Amino acid sequence: MIAKQTSWLQKRQSEPKPALKIRIPEKFPQPEHPHHQPGAAT
């Protein structure tokens, strides 16, 4: 998992800043862990 995140970070850093701003919102609304969603508390 960490290696996956690292490669993703390296990808982002190698991209131009404008692309970064467009990509970040795309990735964040899709949490990998459902229990990490706000309001998902039991």
Protein backbone atom coordinates (compact mmCIF):
# COMPACT_ATOMS: atom_id res chain seq x y z
CA MET A 1 0.00 0.00 0.00
CA ILE A 2 2.80 2.41 0.89
CA ALA A 3 4.64 1.66 -2.34
CA LYS A 4 1.44 2.36 -4.24
CA GLN A 5 1.04 5.73 -2.54
CA THR A 6 4.69 6.60 -3.16
CA SER A 7 4.43 5.96 -6.89
CA TRP A 8 1.23 8.01 -6.94
CA LEU A 9 3.01 10.87 -5.17
CA GLN A 10 5.94 10.70 -7.58
CA LYS A 11 3.49 10.80 -10.48
CA ARG A 12 1.77 13.87 -9.05
CA GLN A 13 5.06 15.64 -8.40
CA SER A 14 6.19 15.05 -11.97
CA GLU A 15 2.97 16.55 -13.32
CA PRO A 16 2.51 20.29 -13.85
CA LYS A 17 0.80 22.18 -11.02
CA PRO A 18 -2.43 22.94 -12.96
CA ALA A 19 -2.89 19.22 -13.61
CA LEU A 20 -2.31 18.58 -9.92
CA LYS A 21 -5.17 20.84 -8.90
CA ILE A 22 -7.49 19.06 -11.33
CA ARG A 23 -6.40 15.57 -10.30
CA ILE A 24 -6.51 15.98 -6.51
CA PRO A 25 -10.30 16.54 -6.30
CA GLU A 26 -10.80 13.50 -8.56
CA LYS A 27 -8.91 11.17 -6.23
CA PHE A 28 -10.12 12.40 -2.86
CA PRO A 29 -13.90 11.93 -3.23
CA GLN A 30 -13.22 8.20 -3.72
CA PRO A 31 -12.00 6.84 -0.36
CA GLU A 32 -10.41 3.38 -0.52
CA HIS A 33 -11.71 2.53 2.95
CA PRO A 34 -15.48 3.02 3.46
CA HIS A 35 -15.05 3.25 7.24
CA HIS A 36 -12.89 6.33 6.72
CA GLN A 37 -15.83 8.29 5.33
CA PRO A 38 -17.13 11.08 7.60
CA GLY A 39 -20.46 10.20 9.17
CA ALA A 40 -19.83 6.48 8.73
CA ALA A 41 -19.42 6.04 12.47
CA THR A 42 -21.70 3.41 13.99
